[in-house]
Amino acid sequence: MILNIDGWVFEEGINVLRGPNGSGKTTLLNIIAGIDKPTEGEVKVLGKDPFKDEDIRKRIGYVGHQTFLIEDMTGYENIRFFGRFDGDLLSAFGLNDILHKPVRTYSRGERVKLSISIELSRDISLLLLDEPFSSLDGDSREVLAELLIRFSRPVILTAHGDIPRMEFKEFKL
C-alpha cells in the first residue's frame, strides 16, 4: 500500500484523482507531498509521515501547476541542478533542441515536459502529477502516457478532462 486516505488505498501503478475545479485535488497532492498539512487526520506515505520524515519527502517527485524550474537557467542547467540527464526521456518529449535556452523562453507545455523528465530521472518512490495532460499536445500526451505505463513506481495524478488510454485506478472527489 502506497497511501491510505479514509478507505482509499493508493497502490502500485497509476492512480487517478478526478473531480471538478475546486474539489481539492491539488490540495490533496500538496498534503501527500508534505507541502500542506491536513486540518485533521494523518497522512502516511509508504508507511511514513511526510511532515516528520524528510527522507520520505525526498523520495516523492512532484510536478504541480508551478514547475519550480529556475527561469534564468537553461534546461540543461535545471537538469543538472534538480535531477540527472536522461537523453531518452528528453528525446521522447522532443526537448533536445531547446535545452540550451533559458527556461523563461519555454512554453507551458515545454516546462511541464522538462519537469516531468527531471522527476522521472530521479530516484523516487512515488510520483505526483497535477493535471499533467492539460498543457500537453496530443503527441506529448501519448508519450507521457507511455512513460507512466513503463515507470516502475506508483503514480498519483489529477485530471478532470480526458486522459490517454491506459490502465489506472480511479478515485473521485
C-alpha atoms as a PDB file:
ATOM      1  CA  MET A   1       0.000   0.000   0.000  1.00  0.00           C
ATOM      2  CA  ILE A   2       1.362   3.391  -1.029  1.00  0.00           C
ATOM      3  CA  LEU A   3      -1.208   5.611   0.691  1.00  0.00           C
ATOM      4  CA  ASN A   4      -4.455   5.128   2.623  1.00  0.00           C
ATOM      5  CA  ILE A   5      -6.881   8.035   2.992  1.00  0.00           C
ATOM      6  CA  ASP A   6     -10.253   7.354   4.626  1.00  0.00           C
ATOM      7  CA  GLY A   7     -10.555   3.976   2.958  1.00  0.00           C
ATOM      8  CA  TRP A   8      -8.972   4.995  -0.343  1.00  0.00           C
ATOM      9  CA  VAL A   9      -5.961   2.781  -0.918  1.00  0.00           C
ATOM     10  CA  PHE A  10      -3.481   4.024  -3.493  1.00  0.00           C
ATOM     11  CA  GLU A  11      -1.343   1.153  -4.716  1.00  0.00           C
ATOM     12  CA  GLU A  12       1.331   0.377  -7.288  1.00  0.00           C
ATOM     13  CA  GLY A  13       0.587   1.556 -10.798  1.00  0.00           C
ATOM     14  CA  ILE A  14      -1.282   4.637 -11.948  1.00  0.00           C
ATOM     15  CA  ASN A  15      -3.860   6.184  -9.623  1.00  0.00           C
ATOM     16  CA  VAL A  16      -6.055   8.994 -10.990  1.00  0.00           C
ATOM     17  CA  LEU A  17      -7.849  11.568  -8.827  1.00  0.00           C
ATOM     18  CA  ARG A  18     -10.797  13.095 -10.652  1.00  0.00           C
ATOM     19  CA  GLY A  19     -13.018  15.959  -9.673  1.00  0.00           C
ATOM     20  CA  PRO A  20     -14.231  19.372 -10.741  1.00  0.00           C
ATOM     21  CA  ASN A  21     -12.238  22.557 -10.217  1.00  0.00           C
ATOM     22  CA  GLY A  22     -12.051  23.399  -6.530  1.00  0.00           C
ATOM     23  CA  SER A  23     -12.751  19.858  -5.319  1.00  0.00           C
ATOM     24  CA  GLY A  24      -9.394  19.514  -3.545  1.00  0.00           C
ATOM     25  CA  LYS A  25      -7.265  17.537  -5.992  1.00  0.00           C
ATOM     26  CA  THR A  26      -4.277  19.888  -5.797  1.00  0.00           C
ATOM     27  CA  THR A  27      -4.662  20.267  -2.030  1.00  0.00           C
ATOM     28  CA  LEU A  28      -4.589  16.500  -1.616  1.00  0.00           C
ATOM     29  CA  LEU A  29      -1.400  16.221  -3.712  1.00  0.00           C
ATOM     30  CA  ASN A  30       0.171  19.015  -1.630  1.00  0.00           C
ATOM     31  CA  ILE A  31      -0.699  17.118   1.558  1.00  0.00           C
ATOM     32  CA  ILE A  32       0.712  13.846   0.191  1.00  0.00           C
ATOM     33  CA  ALA A  33       3.912  15.680  -0.821  1.00  0.00           C
ATOM     34  CA  GLY A  34       4.280  17.157   2.664  1.00  0.00           C
ATOM     35  CA  ILE A  35       3.754  20.739   1.446  1.00  0.00           C
ATOM     36  CA  ASP A  36       0.399  21.452   3.135  1.00  0.00           C
ATOM     37  CA  LYS A  37      -0.681  19.928   6.457  1.00  0.00           C
ATOM     38  CA  PRO A  38      -4.117  18.361   6.727  1.00  0.00           C
ATOM     39  CA  THR A  39      -6.549  20.116   9.059  1.00  0.00           C
ATOM     40  CA  GLU A  40      -7.320  16.770  10.671  1.00  0.00           C
ATOM     41  CA  GLY A  41      -6.201  13.169  10.490  1.00  0.00           C
ATOM     42  CA  GLU A  42      -2.823  11.931   9.406  1.00  0.00           C
ATOM     43  CA  VAL A  43      -1.087  11.022   6.188  1.00  0.00           C
ATOM     44  CA  LYS A  44       1.238   8.083   5.757  1.00  0.00           C
ATOM     45  CA  VAL A  45       3.193   7.723   2.540  1.00  0.00           C
ATOM     46  CA  LEU A  46       4.971   4.405   2.190  1.00  0.00           C
ATOM     47  CA  GLY A  47       4.245   3.928   5.886  1.00  0.00           C
ATOM     48  CA  LYS A  48       5.850   7.208   6.968  1.00  0.00           C
ATOM     49  CA  ASP A  49       4.652  10.696   7.851  1.00  0.00           C
ATOM     50  CA  PRO A  50       5.914  13.157   5.185  1.00  0.00           C
ATOM     51  CA  PHE A  51       5.692  16.006   7.726  1.00  0.00           C
ATOM     52  CA  LYS A  52       8.059  14.292  10.150  1.00  0.00           C
ATOM     53  CA  ASP A  53      10.319  12.326   7.822  1.00  0.00           C
ATOM     54  CA  GLU A  54      12.487  14.378   5.452  1.00  0.00           C
ATOM     55  CA  ASP A  55      13.734  11.199   3.746  1.00  0.00           C
ATOM     56  CA  ILE A  56      10.236  10.292   2.577  1.00  0.00           C
ATOM     57  CA  ARG A  57       9.697  13.832   1.212  1.00  0.00           C
ATOM     58  CA  LYS A  58      12.888  13.448  -0.855  1.00  0.00           C
ATOM     59  CA  ARG A  59      11.509  10.215  -2.312  1.00  0.00           C
ATOM     60  CA  ILE A  60       8.370  11.933  -3.625  1.00  0.00           C
ATOM     61  CA  GLY A  61       8.529  13.501  -7.078  1.00  0.00           C
ATOM     62  CA  TYR A  62       6.010  16.278  -7.708  1.00  0.00           C
ATOM     63  CA  VAL A  63       5.083  18.314 -10.773  1.00  0.00           C
ATOM     64  CA  GLY A  64       2.314  20.766  -9.988  1.00  0.00           C
ATOM     65  CA  HIS A  65       0.929  23.891 -11.574  1.00  0.00           C
ATOM     66  CA  GLN A  66       4.170  25.625 -10.570  1.00  0.00           C
ATOM     67  CA  THR A  67       7.045  23.690 -12.099  1.00  0.00           C
ATOM     68  CA  PHE A  68       9.731  25.072  -9.732  1.00  0.00           C
ATOM     69  CA  LEU A  69      12.180  25.310 -12.618  1.00  0.00           C
ATOM     70  CA  ILE A  70      14.682  28.148 -12.338  1.00  0.00           C
ATOM     71  CA  GLU A  71      13.662  30.640 -15.027  1.00  0.00           C
ATOM     72  CA  ASP A  72      17.083  32.182 -15.729  1.00  0.00           C
ATOM     73  CA  MET A  73      18.821  28.810 -16.069  1.00  0.00           C
ATOM     74  CA  THR A  74      18.792  26.756 -19.260  1.00  0.00           C
ATOM     75  CA  GLY A  75      17.054  23.415 -19.493  1.00  0.00           C
ATOM     76  CA  TYR A  76      20.447  21.675 -19.155  1.00  0.00           C
ATOM     77  CA  GLU A  77      21.295  23.684 -16.035  1.00  0.00           C
ATOM     78  CA  ASN A  78      17.936  22.834 -14.462  1.00  0.00           C
ATOM     79  CA  ILE A  79      18.503  19.160 -15.200  1.00  0.00           C
ATOM     80  CA  ARG A  80      21.939  19.246 -13.544  1.00  0.00           C
ATOM     81  CA  PHE A  81      20.546  21.152 -10.573  1.00  0.00           C
ATOM     82  CA  PHE A  82      17.429  19.051  -9.909  1.00  0.00           C
ATOM     83  CA  GLY A  83      17.965  15.625 -11.418  1.00  0.00           C
ATOM     84  CA  ARG A  84      20.127  13.714 -13.792  1.00  0.00           C
ATOM     85  CA  PHE A  85      20.403  13.742 -17.549  1.00  0.00           C
ATOM     86  CA  ASP A  86      18.287  11.099 -19.294  1.00  0.00           C
ATOM     87  CA  GLY A  87      18.592  11.551 -23.043  1.00  0.00           C
ATOM     88  CA  ASP A  88      15.852   9.005 -23.759  1.00  0.00           C
ATOM     89  CA  LEU A  89      13.271  10.943 -21.738  1.00  0.00           C
ATOM     90  CA  LEU A  90      14.280  14.264 -23.255  1.00  0.00           C
ATOM     91  CA  SER A  91      14.196  12.824 -26.784  1.00  0.00           C
ATOM     92  CA  ALA A  92      10.825  11.200 -26.180  1.00  0.00           C
ATOM     93  CA  PHE A  93       9.398  14.626 -25.324  1.00  0.00           C
ATOM     94  CA  GLY A  94      11.277  16.372 -28.162  1.00  0.00           C
ATOM     95  CA  LEU A  95      13.187  18.679 -25.817  1.00  0.00           C
ATOM     96  CA  ASN A  96      16.758  18.267 -27.081  1.00  0.00           C
ATOM     97  CA  ASP A  97      16.665  21.313 -29.369  1.00  0.00           C
ATOM     98  CA  ILE A  98      15.643  23.775 -26.648  1.00  0.00           C
ATOM     99  CA  LEU A  99      17.725  22.643 -23.655  1.00  0.00           C
ATOM    100  CA  HIS A 100      20.347  25.339 -24.302  1.00  0.00           C
ATOM    101  CA  LYS A 101      17.722  28.104 -23.955  1.00  0.00           C
ATOM    102  CA  PRO A 102      16.656  29.778 -20.695  1.00  0.00           C
ATOM    103  CA  VAL A 103      13.540  28.179 -19.235  1.00  0.00           C
ATOM    104  CA  ARG A 104      11.782  31.575 -19.211  1.00  0.00           C
ATOM    105  CA  THR A 105      11.524  31.215 -23.025  1.00  0.00           C
ATOM    106  CA  TYR A 106       9.765  27.826 -22.810  1.00  0.00           C
ATOM    107  CA  SER A 107       6.050  27.338 -23.382  1.00  0.00           C
ATOM    108  CA  ARG A 108       3.912  25.941 -20.555  1.00  0.00           C
ATOM    109  CA  GLY A 109       3.937  22.513 -22.213  1.00  0.00           C
ATOM    110  CA  GLU A 110       7.742  22.528 -22.580  1.00  0.00           C
ATOM    111  CA  ARG A 111       8.138  23.430 -18.900  1.00  0.00           C
ATOM    112  CA  VAL A 112       5.848  20.585 -17.878  1.00  0.00           C
ATOM    113  CA  LYS A 113       7.697  18.090 -20.112  1.00  0.00           C
ATOM    114  CA  LEU A 114      11.084  19.184 -18.721  1.00  0.00           C
ATOM    115  CA  SER A 115       9.814  18.987 -15.123  1.00  0.00           C
ATOM    116  CA  ILE A 116       8.350  15.523 -15.673  1.00  0.00           C
ATOM    117  CA  SER A 117      11.582  14.374 -17.359  1.00  0.00           C
ATOM    118  CA  ILE A 118      13.572  15.569 -14.346  1.00  0.00           C
ATOM    119  CA  GLU A 119      11.268  13.812 -11.866  1.00  0.00           C
ATOM    120  CA  LEU A 120      11.249  10.561 -13.856  1.00  0.00           C
ATOM    121  CA  SER A 121      15.065  10.588 -13.889  1.00  0.00           C
ATOM    122  CA  ARG A 122      15.342  10.908 -10.096  1.00  0.00           C
ATOM    123  CA  ASP A 123      15.456   8.009  -7.640  1.00  0.00           C
ATOM    124  CA  ILE A 124      11.942   8.489  -6.262  1.00  0.00           C
ATOM    125  CA  SER A 125       9.409   6.101  -4.749  1.00  0.00           C
ATOM    126  CA  LEU A 126       6.229   7.987  -5.676  1.00  0.00           C
ATOM    127  CA  LEU A 127       5.387  10.422  -8.487  1.00  0.00           C
ATOM    128  CA  LEU A 128       2.659  13.068  -8.060  1.00  0.00           C
ATOM    129  CA  LEU A 129       1.416  14.913 -11.152  1.00  0.00           C
ATOM    130  CA  ASP A 130      -1.152  17.709 -11.013  1.00  0.00           C
ATOM    131  CA  GLU A 131      -3.130  17.890 -14.272  1.00  0.00           C
ATOM    132  CA  PRO A 132      -0.127  16.739 -16.345  1.00  0.00           C
ATOM    133  CA  PHE A 133      -2.086  16.224 -19.577  1.00  0.00           C
ATOM    134  CA  SER A 134      -3.854  19.586 -19.604  1.00  0.00           C
ATOM    135  CA  SER A 135      -0.977  21.613 -21.093  1.00  0.00           C
ATOM    136  CA  LEU A 136       0.375  18.966 -23.485  1.00  0.00           C
ATOM    137  CA  ASP A 137      -0.384  18.493 -27.174  1.00  0.00           C
ATOM    138  CA  GLY A 138      -1.749  15.185 -28.472  1.00  0.00           C
ATOM    139  CA  ASP A 139       1.619  13.578 -29.258  1.00  0.00           C
ATOM    140  CA  SER A 140       3.117  14.614 -25.910  1.00  0.00           C
ATOM    141  CA  ARG A 141       0.059  13.289 -24.087  1.00  0.00           C
ATOM    142  CA  GLU A 142       0.623   9.885 -25.683  1.00  0.00           C
ATOM    143  CA  VAL A 143       4.358   9.986 -24.869  1.00  0.00           C
ATOM    144  CA  LEU A 144       3.602  10.802 -21.233  1.00  0.00           C
ATOM    145  CA  ALA A 145       1.031   8.011 -21.000  1.00  0.00           C
ATOM    146  CA  GLU A 146       3.571   5.521 -22.362  1.00  0.00           C
ATOM    147  CA  LEU A 147       6.275   6.748 -19.956  1.00  0.00           C
ATOM    148  CA  LEU A 148       3.913   6.434 -16.982  1.00  0.00           C
ATOM    149  CA  ILE A 149       2.935   2.909 -18.029  1.00  0.00           C
ATOM    150  CA  ARG A 150       6.632   1.925 -18.121  1.00  0.00           C
ATOM    151  CA  PHE A 151       7.509   3.797 -14.897  1.00  0.00           C
ATOM    152  CA  SER A 152       8.078   1.105 -12.289  1.00  0.00           C
ATOM    153  CA  ARG A 153       6.923   3.145  -9.300  1.00  0.00           C
ATOM    154  CA  PRO A 154       3.488   4.346  -8.191  1.00  0.00           C
ATOM    155  CA  VAL A 155       1.950   7.454  -9.741  1.00  0.00           C
ATOM    156  CA  ILE A 156      -0.882   9.611  -8.418  1.00  0.00           C
ATOM    157  CA  LEU A 157      -2.145  12.144 -10.930  1.00  0.00           C
ATOM    158  CA  THR A 158      -5.077  14.508 -11.075  1.00  0.00           C
ATOM    159  CA  ALA A 159      -7.405  15.023 -14.011  1.00  0.00           C
ATOM    160  CA  HIS A 160     -10.774  16.499 -14.757  1.00  0.00           C
ATOM    161  CA  GLY A 161     -10.608  16.041 -18.517  1.00  0.00           C
ATOM    162  CA  ASP A 162      -9.835  13.156 -20.798  1.00  0.00           C
ATOM    163  CA  ILE A 163      -6.578  11.300 -20.443  1.00  0.00           C
ATOM    164  CA  PRO A 164      -4.933   8.943 -22.937  1.00  0.00           C
ATOM    165  CA  ARG A 165      -5.900   5.308 -22.870  1.00  0.00           C
ATOM    166  CA  MET A 166      -4.038   3.438 -20.145  1.00  0.00           C
ATOM    167  CA  GLU A 167      -4.885   1.257 -17.167  1.00  0.00           C
ATOM    168  CA  PHE A 168      -5.410   3.106 -13.901  1.00  0.00           C
ATOM    169  CA  LYS A 169      -7.327   3.034 -10.643  1.00  0.00           C
ATOM    170  CA  GLU A 170      -9.734   5.988 -10.396  1.00  0.00           C
ATOM    171  CA  PHE A 171     -10.767   7.988  -7.313  1.00  0.00           C
ATOM    172  CA  LYS A 172     -13.444  10.704  -7.436  1.00  0.00           C
ATOM    173  CA  LEU A 173     -13.514  13.768  -5.209  1.00  0.00           C
END
